[in-house]
Protein backbone atom coordinates (compact mmCIF):
# COMPACT_ATOMS: atom_id res chain seq x y z
CA MET A 1 -126.86 -110.91 105.83
CA SER A 2 -123.60 -111.16 105.04
CA SER A 3 -122.02 -108.47 101.54
CA ALA A 4 -119.77 -111.27 100.73
CA ALA A 5 -122.60 -114.36 101.47
CA LEU A 6 -122.43 -114.71 97.33
CA GLY A 7 -119.18 -113.16 96.80
CA GLY A 8 -117.79 -113.69 93.10
CA LYS A 9 -121.07 -116.53 92.51
CA VAL A 10 -123.31 -115.98 89.48
CA ILE A 11 -126.39 -115.77 89.39
CA ALA A 12 -129.48 -116.31 86.75
CA VAL A 13 -132.43 -114.58 88.30
CA VAL A 14 -135.69 -115.79 85.85
CA GLY A 15 -138.22 -112.93 86.84
CA GLY A 16 -136.42 -110.34 88.16
CA SER A 17 -138.09 -107.01 86.89
CA SER A 18 -140.77 -106.33 90.18
CA GLY A 19 -141.53 -108.07 93.01
CA PHE A 20 -139.83 -111.10 94.87
CA GLY A 21 -137.27 -110.91 91.43
CA LEU A 22 -136.06 -107.71 91.49
CA SER A 23 -135.69 -107.74 95.41
CA ALA A 24 -133.63 -110.79 95.10
CA VAL A 25 -131.24 -109.36 92.24
CA ARG A 26 -130.98 -106.69 94.86
CA ALA A 27 -130.16 -108.97 97.85
CA CYS A 28 -127.91 -110.99 95.43
CA LEU A 29 -126.15 -107.56 94.41
CA GLU A 30 -125.77 -106.12 97.80
CA ALA A 31 -124.45 -110.18 98.58
CA GLY A 32 -121.71 -109.49 96.21
CA ALA A 33 -122.61 -111.46 93.17
CA TRP A 34 -122.49 -110.61 89.73
CA VAL A 35 -126.03 -111.26 88.34
CA VAL A 36 -128.58 -111.59 85.00
CA ALA A 37 -131.99 -110.89 85.41
CA VAL A 38 -134.21 -112.75 83.03
CA ASN A 39 -136.85 -110.44 82.46
CA PRO A 40 -140.41 -109.89 80.25
CA PRO A 41 -140.29 -107.92 76.95
CA GLY A 42 -141.76 -104.78 78.07
CA SER A 43 -140.07 -104.28 81.17
CA ASP A 44 -137.22 -102.11 82.37
CA PRO A 45 -133.97 -103.00 81.49
CA ALA A 46 -133.10 -99.95 83.50
CA ALA A 47 -134.64 -100.86 86.94
CA GLU A 48 -131.09 -101.20 87.96
CA SER A 49 -127.76 -99.84 87.25
CA CYS A 50 -124.38 -102.05 88.74
CA VAL A 51 -121.45 -103.50 86.93
CA ARG A 52 -122.51 -106.72 88.23
CA LEU A 53 -125.64 -106.56 86.44
CA ARG A 54 -126.77 -107.37 83.01
CA THR A 55 -130.70 -107.91 82.01
CA TRP A 56 -131.79 -110.66 79.45
CA ILE A 57 -135.29 -109.97 77.39
CA GLY A 58 -137.33 -112.68 77.34
CA ASP A 59 -140.34 -115.10 77.61
CA ALA A 60 -139.48 -117.29 80.01
CA ARG A 61 -142.17 -119.63 79.01
CA ASP A 62 -140.01 -119.90 75.42
CA SER A 63 -138.34 -122.77 75.57
CA GLU A 64 -134.74 -121.17 74.67
CA THR A 65 -135.02 -117.80 76.88
CA ALA A 66 -133.13 -119.34 79.71
CA ARG A 67 -130.51 -121.14 77.91
CA GLN A 68 -130.18 -117.83 75.96
CA ALA A 69 -129.59 -116.08 79.28
CA ILE A 70 -127.09 -118.41 80.92
CA ARG A 71 -125.29 -118.22 77.63
CA HIS A 72 -125.06 -114.53 78.54
CA ALA A 73 -123.91 -115.09 81.33
CA VAL A 74 -121.09 -117.51 80.87
CA SER A 75 -120.55 -114.68 78.28
CA GLU A 76 -120.19 -111.82 80.15
CA PHE A 77 -119.02 -113.73 83.50
CA GLY A 78 -117.54 -117.05 83.27
CA ARG A 79 -119.93 -119.16 84.47
CA LEU A 80 -123.03 -120.22 86.30
CA ASP A 81 -122.97 -120.62 89.93
CA ALA A 82 -126.66 -120.59 90.68
CA LEU A 83 -130.54 -119.81 89.32
CA TYR A 84 -133.06 -118.41 90.82
CA HIS A 85 -136.40 -119.24 89.66
CA VAL A 86 -139.66 -116.40 90.02
CA ALA A 87 -141.27 -116.48 87.05
CA GLY A 88 -144.69 -117.26 87.29
CA GLY A 89 -147.89 -115.04 88.26
CA SER A 90 -151.94 -115.95 88.77
CA GLY A 91 -153.87 -117.71 86.00
CA ARG A 92 -157.01 -115.72 86.56
CA SER A 93 -156.59 -113.63 83.64
CA PHE A 94 -156.67 -116.78 81.66
CA GLY A 95 -159.75 -118.02 84.10
CA ASP A 96 -158.59 -120.14 86.88
CA GLY A 97 -160.51 -121.02 89.38
CA PRO A 98 -162.60 -123.80 90.86
CA LEU A 99 -162.04 -127.15 89.08
CA HIS A 100 -165.67 -126.84 87.96
CA GLU A 101 -164.98 -124.18 86.36
CA LEU A 102 -162.20 -124.73 84.90
CA SER A 103 -161.46 -124.01 81.05
CA ASP A 104 -159.00 -126.34 79.25
CA SER A 105 -157.22 -123.04 78.24
CA ALA A 106 -157.35 -121.52 81.63
CA TRP A 107 -156.03 -124.65 82.99
CA ALA A 108 -152.35 -124.92 80.30
CA GLU A 109 -152.17 -121.41 80.54
CA THR A 110 -151.53 -121.35 84.27
CA LEU A 111 -149.67 -124.49 83.89
CA ARG A 112 -147.24 -122.95 81.15
CA LEU A 113 -147.14 -119.72 82.98
CA ASN A 114 -145.78 -121.07 86.41
CA LEU A 115 -144.93 -124.63 86.20
CA THR A 116 -143.44 -125.66 82.29
CA SER A 117 -141.06 -122.18 82.19
CA LEU A 118 -139.70 -123.29 85.44
CA PHE A 119 -138.45 -126.95 83.75
CA HIS A 120 -137.80 -124.83 80.78
CA SER A 121 -134.85 -122.70 83.73
CA ASN A 122 -134.30 -126.25 85.66
CA ARG A 123 -133.35 -128.17 82.28
CA ALA A 124 -131.20 -125.10 81.07
CA ALA A 125 -129.63 -124.95 84.58
CA ALA A 126 -129.06 -128.65 85.01
CA GLU A 127 -127.20 -129.15 81.28
CA ARG A 128 -124.74 -125.78 82.43
CA PHE A 129 -123.58 -127.41 85.36
CA LEU A 130 -122.83 -130.93 84.10
CA ALA A 131 -121.09 -129.12 81.35
CA GLN A 132 -118.99 -127.00 84.11
CA GLY A 133 -118.50 -130.15 86.08
CA THR A 134 -119.00 -127.69 89.12
CA GLY A 135 -122.36 -127.87 90.93
CA GLY A 136 -124.52 -125.36 91.19
CA SER A 137 -127.72 -124.06 93.33
CA VAL A 138 -131.29 -124.36 91.66
CA LEU A 139 -133.76 -121.99 93.51
CA ASN A 140 -137.41 -122.50 93.06
CA MET A 141 -140.44 -120.44 93.66
CA ALA A 142 -143.48 -121.97 94.72
CA SER A 143 -146.24 -120.87 96.94
CA VAL A 144 -147.91 -121.73 100.82
CA LEU A 145 -150.92 -122.98 98.46
CA ALA A 146 -149.00 -126.10 96.70
CA ARG A 147 -149.56 -127.55 100.74
CA TRP A 148 -151.83 -125.10 103.05
CA PRO A 149 -155.18 -124.21 101.15
CA SER A 150 -157.45 -121.70 101.18
CA ALA A 151 -160.81 -122.65 100.42
CA GLY A 152 -162.93 -119.62 99.53
CA ILE A 153 -160.18 -116.83 99.69
CA PHE A 154 -157.79 -118.82 97.07
CA ASP A 155 -159.89 -120.53 94.76
CA THR A 156 -157.18 -120.99 92.00
CA HIS A 157 -156.76 -124.85 91.43
CA ALA A 158 -154.73 -125.04 88.56
CA TYR A 159 -152.14 -122.40 90.23
CA ALA A 160 -151.96 -124.37 93.32
CA ALA A 161 -151.34 -127.35 90.88
CA ALA A 162 -148.70 -125.68 89.38
CA LYS A 163 -146.88 -124.86 92.43
CA ALA A 164 -147.34 -127.66 94.25
CA ALA A 165 -146.04 -129.68 91.21
CA ILE A 166 -143.04 -127.23 91.06
CA LEU A 167 -142.37 -128.72 94.90
CA GLY A 168 -142.42 -132.18 92.99
CA LEU A 169 -139.63 -131.63 90.07
CA THR A 170 -137.78 -130.04 92.68
CA THR A 171 -137.33 -132.67 95.59
CA SER A 172 -137.03 -135.58 92.04
CA ALA A 173 -133.93 -133.30 90.88
CA ALA A 174 -132.25 -133.28 94.11
CA ALA A 175 -132.66 -136.90 94.42
CA TYR A 176 -131.69 -137.24 91.06
CA TYR A 177 -128.45 -134.45 90.62
CA ALA A 178 -127.27 -134.59 94.52
CA PRO A 179 -124.22 -136.98 93.49
CA GLN A 180 -122.86 -134.29 90.95
CA GLY A 181 -123.24 -131.63 93.52
CA ILE A 182 -126.26 -129.56 92.30
CA ARG A 183 -128.92 -128.66 94.32
CA PHE A 184 -132.44 -127.93 94.36
CA ASN A 185 -134.08 -126.25 96.75
CA ALA A 186 -137.74 -123.76 96.86
CA VAL A 187 -139.20 -121.23 99.36
CA LEU A 188 -142.53 -121.27 99.96
CA PRO A 189 -143.80 -117.55 100.66
CA GLY A 190 -147.24 -116.62 101.73
CA LEU A 191 -149.40 -113.60 100.85
CA THR A 192 -147.03 -110.83 99.77
CA ASP A 193 -147.19 -107.48 98.49
CA THR A 194 -146.27 -107.69 94.86
CA PRO A 195 -147.84 -106.50 91.28
CA MET A 196 -149.27 -110.06 91.23
CA SER A 197 -151.32 -110.11 94.45
CA ALA A 198 -153.03 -106.15 94.03
CA ARG A 199 -156.20 -107.33 93.93
CA ALA A 200 -155.46 -109.64 97.63
CA MET A 201 -153.78 -106.27 98.65
CA GLY A 202 -156.96 -104.58 97.73
CA ASN A 203 -159.68 -106.61 99.42
CA PRO A 204 -160.53 -105.74 102.93
CA ARG A 205 -161.91 -109.37 104.21
CA ILE A 206 -158.93 -111.34 102.24
CA LEU A 207 -156.71 -108.88 104.48
CA GLU A 208 -158.65 -109.27 107.58
CA PHE A 209 -157.74 -113.01 106.57
CA VAL A 210 -154.41 -112.72 107.04
CA ARG A 211 -153.83 -111.31 109.70
CA ASN A 212 -155.05 -114.19 111.71
CA LYS A 213 -153.59 -115.99 109.16
CA GLN A 214 -149.69 -114.20 109.05
CA PRO A 215 -150.00 -113.82 112.71
CA LEU A 216 -146.33 -113.05 112.70
CA ASP A 217 -145.46 -109.26 113.11
CA GLY A 218 -148.84 -107.79 113.96
CA GLY A 219 -150.53 -110.02 111.15
CA ARG A 220 -148.96 -108.80 107.88
CA ALA A 221 -148.78 -109.19 104.24
CA GLY A 222 -144.99 -109.82 103.26
CA GLN A 223 -142.61 -107.34 101.56
CA PRO A 224 -140.70 -109.44 98.75
CA SER A 225 -137.68 -108.28 101.21
CA ASP A 226 -138.77 -110.56 104.09
CA LEU A 227 -137.84 -113.41 101.41
CA ASP A 228 -134.42 -112.45 100.83
CA ALA A 229 -132.02 -113.73 103.52
CA ALA A 230 -133.42 -117.10 102.41
CA VAL A 231 -132.34 -117.01 99.03
CA VAL A 232 -129.15 -115.63 99.86
CA PHE A 233 -128.63 -118.52 101.92
CA LEU A 234 -130.14 -121.16 99.70
CA LEU A 235 -128.13 -120.02 96.95
CA SER A 236 -125.11 -119.35 98.60
CA ASP A 237 -122.24 -122.35 99.65
CA ASP A 238 -123.86 -121.48 103.67
CA SER A 239 -126.28 -124.23 101.96
CA ARG A 240 -123.67 -126.33 100.95
CA PHE A 241 -124.81 -129.62 102.46
CA VAL A 242 -129.03 -128.21 102.17
CA THR A 243 -131.21 -129.94 98.92
CA GLY A 244 -134.10 -131.01 98.34
CA GLN A 245 -136.00 -129.15 100.87
CA ALA A 246 -139.22 -127.10 100.89
CA LEU A 247 -138.70 -124.12 103.31
CA ALA A 248 -141.97 -121.82 104.05
CA VAL A 249 -141.60 -118.35 104.65
CA ASP A 250 -144.95 -117.25 105.63
CA GLY A 251 -145.39 -115.01 108.29
CA GLY A 252 -147.26 -118.16 110.29
CA TRP A 253 -149.28 -119.11 107.25
CA SER A 254 -148.29 -123.22 107.24
CA VAL A 255 -148.86 -123.24 111.67
CA SER A 256 -152.13 -121.58 111.66
CA ASP A 257 -155.86 -121.99 111.09
CA GLY A 258 -156.83 -118.88 110.29
CA GLY A 259 -159.08 -118.34 113.10
CA ALA A 260 -159.48 -115.81 116.33
CA ARG A 261 -157.39 -117.63 119.23
CA ASN A 262 -159.56 -118.20 122.18
CA ALA A 263 -158.52 -116.96 125.31
CA PRO A 264 -156.86 -119.16 127.39
């Protein structure tokens, strides 16, 4: 990864306090960017210390949080060049699960956390890029579960629906805004060791499943940093001819059936 790939770029990372988001903040700073990390209430605003980093505290589910954070970025650094939306999470605490067990409230809250929050940030970024007349890059966090489900292991149907909808929004927006030079892409991670996946990481059955389902690098769960090079690329001018794409960074999840291989 070039230490200057994002040199001088101003990037907002929505959900930058832990896991994928915090790793991306660090990677963007290392690549030369100026960063506004949009973090939830109660997070540590001093998690990172850098003159090119600002923190904005707000709930991503609030329609004004992203707009306020982007205004802050423009006030502090003069403009916005890219947005990376990471904020979201499991809906299990709301009651997400198989379709026949889903309540209306579990469905609504899981989509609000994962899809509506992203709608707010993508809209705010598009508004800003159009006002600037500069173009820009939007990168969205989806999931392998949007396309490659795992019945009996990860049966959170509202979460999967939200992540699939993110792909639809990403490609539709990419088509619409391409003439204005505004790019939309998505990344789809596999199972990764983050605070959100603590339940899965503590389950030996799931870890054994992942050993076969994500066979790269010895068969393991991902680390947030495994995504960083792709994130920097898709936020940078190196990907200036790339839009409407969904890149799986998943250790092989999307091309594996998760079963033991037969001897040749």
